[in-house]
N, C-alpha and C. Protein backbone atom coordinates (compact mmCIF):
# COMPACT_ATOMS: atom_id res chain seq x y z
N MET A 1 43.93 -72.38 7.51
CA MET A 1 43.59 -71.70 8.65
C MET A 1 44.23 -72.53 10.09
N VAL A 2 44.61 -71.83 10.96
CA VAL A 2 45.15 -72.50 12.10
C VAL A 2 44.08 -73.05 13.37
N LYS A 3 43.49 -73.94 13.60
CA LYS A 3 42.41 -74.26 14.48
C LYS A 3 43.01 -74.55 15.78
N GLU A 4 41.95 -74.37 16.87
CA GLU A 4 41.89 -74.96 18.20
C GLU A 4 42.37 -76.39 18.39
N PHE A 5 43.07 -76.82 19.10
CA PHE A 5 43.40 -78.28 19.41
C PHE A 5 44.07 -79.10 18.38
N GLU A 6 44.49 -78.38 17.27
CA GLU A 6 45.43 -78.93 16.19
C GLU A 6 46.82 -78.69 16.63
N VAL A 7 47.78 -79.58 16.26
CA VAL A 7 49.09 -79.89 16.71
C VAL A 7 50.01 -79.31 15.53
N TYR A 8 50.71 -78.60 15.55
CA TYR A 8 51.90 -77.76 14.50
C TYR A 8 53.17 -78.17 15.27
N LEU A 9 54.26 -78.46 14.38
CA LEU A 9 55.62 -78.00 14.75
C LEU A 9 55.84 -76.67 15.17
N VAL A 10 56.54 -76.27 16.07
CA VAL A 10 56.66 -74.73 16.55
C VAL A 10 58.14 -74.63 16.56
N ASN A 11 58.79 -73.70 16.05
CA ASN A 11 60.07 -73.13 16.51
C ASN A 11 60.09 -72.08 17.86
N LEU A 12 60.28 -72.57 18.86
CA LEU A 12 60.35 -71.84 20.01
C LEU A 12 61.55 -71.11 20.56
N ASP A 13 62.63 -71.43 19.75
CA ASP A 13 63.76 -70.28 19.95
C ASP A 13 63.87 -68.80 19.34
N PRO A 14 64.43 -68.17 19.78
CA PRO A 14 65.21 -68.13 21.15
C PRO A 14 64.43 -68.33 22.38
N THR A 15 64.85 -68.71 23.53
CA THR A 15 63.88 -68.79 24.77
C THR A 15 64.98 -68.20 25.89
N VAL A 16 64.26 -68.04 27.13
CA VAL A 16 65.31 -67.82 28.14
C VAL A 16 64.90 -68.55 29.40
N GLY A 17 65.76 -68.73 30.10
CA GLY A 17 65.94 -69.65 31.38
C GLY A 17 65.12 -71.00 31.01
N LEU A 18 64.21 -71.25 31.74
CA LEU A 18 63.67 -72.36 31.92
C LEU A 18 62.33 -72.81 30.86
N GLU A 19 62.17 -71.92 30.10
CA GLU A 19 61.06 -72.00 29.02
C GLU A 19 61.65 -73.13 28.12
N ILE A 20 60.70 -74.04 27.65
CA ILE A 20 60.92 -75.29 26.92
C ILE A 20 61.29 -74.80 25.46
N LYS A 21 62.29 -75.05 24.98
CA LYS A 21 63.29 -74.83 23.88
C LYS A 21 63.10 -75.69 22.59
N LYS A 22 63.62 -75.44 21.43
CA LYS A 22 63.96 -76.02 20.24
C LYS A 22 62.26 -76.23 19.59
N THR A 23 62.45 -76.68 18.20
CA THR A 23 61.30 -76.82 17.59
C THR A 23 60.66 -78.07 18.04
N ARG A 24 59.49 -78.25 18.48
CA ARG A 24 58.74 -79.32 18.72
C ARG A 24 57.22 -79.11 18.62
N PRO A 25 56.50 -80.38 18.66
CA PRO A 25 55.19 -80.22 18.68
C PRO A 25 54.37 -79.63 19.56
N CYS A 26 53.32 -78.77 19.11
CA CYS A 26 52.51 -77.59 20.08
C CYS A 26 51.15 -78.00 19.86
N VAL A 27 50.51 -77.84 20.92
CA VAL A 27 49.18 -77.86 20.95
C VAL A 27 48.43 -76.29 20.68
N VAL A 28 47.54 -75.90 19.58
CA VAL A 28 47.03 -74.87 19.55
C VAL A 28 45.77 -74.61 20.71
N LEU A 29 45.85 -73.43 21.29
CA LEU A 29 44.92 -73.39 22.24
C LEU A 29 43.90 -72.01 21.96
N SER A 30 44.39 -71.37 21.06
CA SER A 30 43.37 -70.33 20.76
C SER A 30 42.47 -70.38 19.60
N SER A 31 41.52 -69.92 19.58
CA SER A 31 40.49 -70.16 18.44
C SER A 31 40.91 -69.60 17.36
N ALA A 32 40.31 -70.32 16.08
CA ALA A 32 40.66 -69.96 14.92
C ALA A 32 40.24 -68.44 14.33
N GLU A 33 39.04 -68.11 14.94
CA GLU A 33 38.71 -66.67 14.76
C GLU A 33 39.79 -65.94 15.31
N MET A 34 40.16 -66.14 16.64
CA MET A 34 41.25 -65.16 17.19
C MET A 34 42.75 -65.19 16.61
N ASN A 35 42.94 -66.56 16.06
CA ASN A 35 44.30 -66.61 15.20
C ASN A 35 44.40 -65.87 13.91
N SER A 36 43.10 -65.90 13.05
CA SER A 36 42.98 -65.36 12.12
C SER A 36 43.24 -63.55 11.87
N VAL A 37 42.77 -63.03 12.98
CA VAL A 37 42.64 -61.85 13.27
C VAL A 37 44.07 -61.34 13.98
N LEU A 38 44.57 -61.98 14.70
CA LEU A 38 45.70 -61.12 15.43
C LEU A 38 46.90 -61.62 14.72
N GLY A 39 47.13 -62.87 14.39
CA GLY A 39 48.49 -63.12 13.38
C GLY A 39 49.30 -63.67 14.61
N THR A 40 48.90 -63.93 15.72
CA THR A 40 49.60 -64.81 16.76
C THR A 40 48.70 -65.77 17.03
N VAL A 41 49.34 -66.71 17.77
CA VAL A 41 48.67 -67.99 18.08
C VAL A 41 49.18 -68.61 19.52
N ILE A 42 48.16 -68.76 20.46
CA ILE A 42 48.33 -69.29 21.76
C ILE A 42 48.87 -70.77 21.65
N ILE A 43 49.82 -71.19 22.08
CA ILE A 43 50.15 -72.71 22.05
C ILE A 43 50.50 -72.98 23.53
N ALA A 44 50.55 -74.55 23.60
CA ALA A 44 51.12 -75.32 24.49
C ALA A 44 52.28 -76.30 24.14
N PRO A 45 53.66 -76.10 24.51
CA PRO A 45 54.24 -77.12 23.90
C PRO A 45 54.20 -78.68 24.30
N MET A 46 54.59 -79.58 23.77
CA MET A 46 54.78 -81.20 24.08
C MET A 46 56.01 -81.30 24.11
N THR A 47 56.01 -82.53 24.91
CA THR A 47 57.60 -83.00 25.40
C THR A 47 57.03 -84.64 25.78
N THR A 48 58.27 -85.19 25.12
CA THR A 48 58.31 -86.75 25.42
C THR A 48 58.98 -87.12 26.91
N THR A 49 59.54 -86.00 27.47
CA THR A 49 59.95 -86.33 28.89
C THR A 49 58.96 -86.15 29.85
N LEU A 50 58.55 -87.08 30.13
CA LEU A 50 57.28 -87.30 31.16
C LEU A 50 57.77 -86.99 32.67
N ARG A 51 57.14 -85.90 32.92
CA ARG A 51 57.45 -85.32 34.54
C ARG A 51 56.37 -85.68 35.38
N GLY A 52 55.15 -85.63 34.93
CA GLY A 52 54.26 -86.10 35.99
C GLY A 52 53.64 -84.89 36.55
N TYR A 53 53.71 -83.81 36.17
CA TYR A 53 53.72 -82.37 37.02
C TYR A 53 51.94 -82.36 36.83
N PRO A 54 51.20 -81.71 37.69
CA PRO A 54 49.75 -81.53 37.61
C PRO A 54 49.36 -80.67 36.71
N SER A 55 50.31 -79.79 36.11
CA SER A 55 50.05 -78.85 35.20
C SER A 55 50.30 -79.47 33.73
N ARG A 56 50.63 -80.63 34.01
CA ARG A 56 50.99 -81.43 32.32
C ARG A 56 50.24 -82.73 32.27
N LEU A 57 49.43 -82.65 31.15
CA LEU A 57 48.56 -83.98 30.63
C LEU A 57 49.35 -84.82 29.88
N GLU A 58 49.28 -85.99 30.20
CA GLU A 58 50.07 -87.32 29.54
C GLU A 58 48.97 -87.77 28.83
N ILE A 59 49.21 -87.69 27.26
CA ILE A 59 48.60 -88.27 26.21
C ILE A 59 49.40 -89.15 25.34
N ARG A 60 48.60 -89.62 24.33
CA ARG A 60 49.35 -90.48 23.48
C ARG A 60 48.79 -89.64 21.74
N PHE A 61 50.03 -89.55 21.26
CA PHE A 61 49.61 -88.72 19.99
C PHE A 61 50.74 -89.16 19.15
N GLN A 62 50.23 -89.83 18.20
CA GLN A 62 51.06 -90.20 16.81
C GLN A 62 51.76 -91.57 17.38
N SER A 63 50.83 -92.28 18.36
CA SER A 63 51.74 -93.47 18.72
C SER A 63 52.89 -93.34 19.85
N LYS A 64 52.92 -91.81 20.08
CA LYS A 64 54.17 -91.91 21.55
C LYS A 64 53.48 -91.01 22.41
N PHE A 65 53.91 -91.60 23.71
CA PHE A 65 53.27 -90.90 25.15
C PHE A 65 54.09 -89.63 24.85
N CYS A 66 53.39 -88.60 25.43
CA CYS A 66 54.14 -87.36 25.66
C CYS A 66 53.26 -86.72 26.60
N GLU A 67 53.65 -85.36 27.01
CA GLU A 67 52.89 -84.55 27.94
C GLU A 67 52.51 -83.12 26.84
N ILE A 68 51.44 -82.76 27.48
CA ILE A 68 51.13 -81.30 26.87
C ILE A 68 51.57 -80.32 28.14
N CYS A 69 52.36 -79.33 27.80
CA CYS A 69 52.79 -78.62 29.13
C CYS A 69 51.99 -77.43 29.24
N LEU A 70 50.92 -77.10 29.98
CA LEU A 70 50.20 -76.28 30.30
C LEU A 70 50.73 -75.00 30.81
N ASP A 71 51.79 -75.63 31.95
CA ASP A 71 52.64 -74.61 32.48
C ASP A 71 53.55 -73.71 31.66
N GLN A 72 53.76 -74.13 30.18
CA GLN A 72 54.36 -73.42 29.66
C GLN A 72 53.69 -72.65 28.11
N ILE A 73 52.49 -72.49 28.71
CA ILE A 73 51.64 -71.53 27.83
C ILE A 73 52.30 -70.18 27.01
N ARG A 74 52.09 -69.88 25.80
CA ARG A 74 52.63 -69.10 25.21
C ARG A 74 51.88 -68.39 24.06
N ALA A 75 52.29 -67.24 23.75
CA ALA A 75 51.93 -66.56 22.48
C ALA A 75 53.00 -66.47 21.35
N VAL A 76 52.83 -67.06 20.29
CA VAL A 76 53.65 -66.95 19.36
C VAL A 76 53.13 -66.39 17.76
N ASP A 77 54.18 -65.96 17.13
CA ASP A 77 53.81 -65.27 15.90
C ASP A 77 53.40 -66.43 15.22
N GLU A 78 52.50 -66.49 14.27
CA GLU A 78 51.94 -67.35 13.35
C GLU A 78 53.10 -67.86 12.56
N SER A 79 54.14 -67.38 11.95
CA SER A 79 55.22 -67.64 11.38
C SER A 79 56.01 -68.58 11.75
N ARG A 80 56.01 -68.85 13.25
CA ARG A 80 56.75 -69.79 13.63
C ARG A 80 56.20 -71.33 13.51
N LEU A 81 55.09 -71.42 13.19
CA LEU A 81 54.33 -72.96 13.00
C LEU A 81 54.75 -73.36 11.67
N SER A 82 54.65 -74.78 11.67
CA SER A 82 54.87 -75.22 10.40
C SER A 82 53.86 -75.12 9.32
N LYS A 83 53.80 -75.48 8.02
CA LYS A 83 52.91 -74.96 7.22
C LYS A 83 51.57 -76.01 7.40
N ASN A 84 51.75 -77.46 8.03
CA ASN A 84 50.98 -78.23 7.87
C ASN A 84 50.82 -78.60 9.36
N SER A 85 49.18 -79.02 9.60
CA SER A 85 49.11 -79.73 11.03
C SER A 85 49.66 -80.95 10.98
N LEU A 86 50.30 -81.61 12.24
CA LEU A 86 50.42 -82.67 12.47
C LEU A 86 49.24 -83.85 12.89
N GLY A 87 48.18 -82.93 13.04
CA GLY A 87 46.81 -83.93 13.58
C GLY A 87 46.10 -82.81 14.76
N ARG A 88 45.00 -83.70 14.98
CA ARG A 88 44.40 -82.84 16.24
C ARG A 88 44.01 -83.87 17.43
N LEU A 89 43.87 -83.28 18.57
CA LEU A 89 43.67 -84.11 19.67
C LEU A 89 42.48 -84.69 19.68
N LYS A 90 42.55 -86.02 20.51
CA LYS A 90 41.18 -86.68 20.50
C LYS A 90 40.41 -85.94 21.83
N GLN A 91 39.09 -85.96 21.22
CA GLN A 91 37.98 -85.24 22.22
C GLN A 91 38.09 -85.62 23.61
N GLU A 92 38.66 -86.74 24.11
CA GLU A 92 38.98 -86.91 25.56
C GLU A 92 40.05 -86.02 25.97
N ASP A 93 41.06 -85.80 25.18
CA ASP A 93 42.39 -84.99 25.56
C ASP A 93 42.03 -83.72 25.54
N ILE A 94 40.95 -83.19 24.61
CA ILE A 94 40.74 -82.02 24.68
C ILE A 94 40.03 -81.41 25.93
N ASP A 95 39.22 -82.48 26.25
CA ASP A 95 38.16 -82.18 27.71
C ASP A 95 39.31 -82.14 28.72
N GLU A 96 40.31 -82.84 28.51
CA GLU A 96 41.04 -83.04 29.91
C GLU A 96 41.91 -81.65 30.03
N VAL A 97 42.40 -81.02 28.60
CA VAL A 97 43.07 -79.95 28.41
C VAL A 97 42.26 -78.50 29.23
N LYS A 98 40.87 -78.52 28.69
CA LYS A 98 39.83 -77.45 29.23
C LYS A 98 39.77 -77.51 30.52
N ASP A 99 39.71 -78.89 31.42
CA ASP A 99 39.34 -79.12 32.79
C ASP A 99 40.81 -78.70 33.63
N THR A 100 41.81 -78.83 32.86
CA THR A 100 43.03 -78.57 33.76
C THR A 100 43.14 -76.99 33.80
N MET A 101 42.90 -76.54 32.48
CA MET A 101 43.19 -74.87 32.47
C MET A 101 41.98 -74.43 33.69
N VAL A 102 40.89 -74.98 33.33
CA VAL A 102 39.68 -74.15 34.31
C VAL A 102 40.46 -74.20 35.82
N GLU A 103 41.14 -75.31 36.46
CA GLU A 103 41.59 -75.39 37.52
C GLU A 103 42.92 -74.80 37.74
N MET A 104 43.85 -74.68 36.73
CA MET A 104 45.08 -73.86 36.62
C MET A 104 44.56 -72.39 37.14
N PHE A 105 43.86 -72.05 36.23
CA PHE A 105 43.51 -70.28 36.32
C PHE A 105 42.20 -69.99 37.27
N LYS A 106 42.04 -70.95 37.91
CA LYS A 106 40.64 -70.53 38.89
C LYS A 106 39.57 -69.99 38.14
N LEU A 107 39.00 -70.56 36.66
CA LEU A 107 38.11 -70.01 36.11
C LEU A 107 36.67 -70.57 36.54
């Protein structure tokens, strides 16, 4: 079962314009309950190209510095995800994701 705040490799192709492309790690933002019912998963791509945008959170995941691109959130079919999770975000990173999303979407 795909769970919130786990990281999976996700095939993001095909894309259009400035959408982040290729297969890359992505953070699952949708809940396990939602994922199991819909068959789609809401994700935020990760990149090792650090831009420092306010909508991108710099974290350390699997010994690499990277950014979670909350400005590139999208829904993807579950078939785009790798079979196994690469791991889960640390609680401090989860809290930062939640805080940033509240600020971004004025929730």
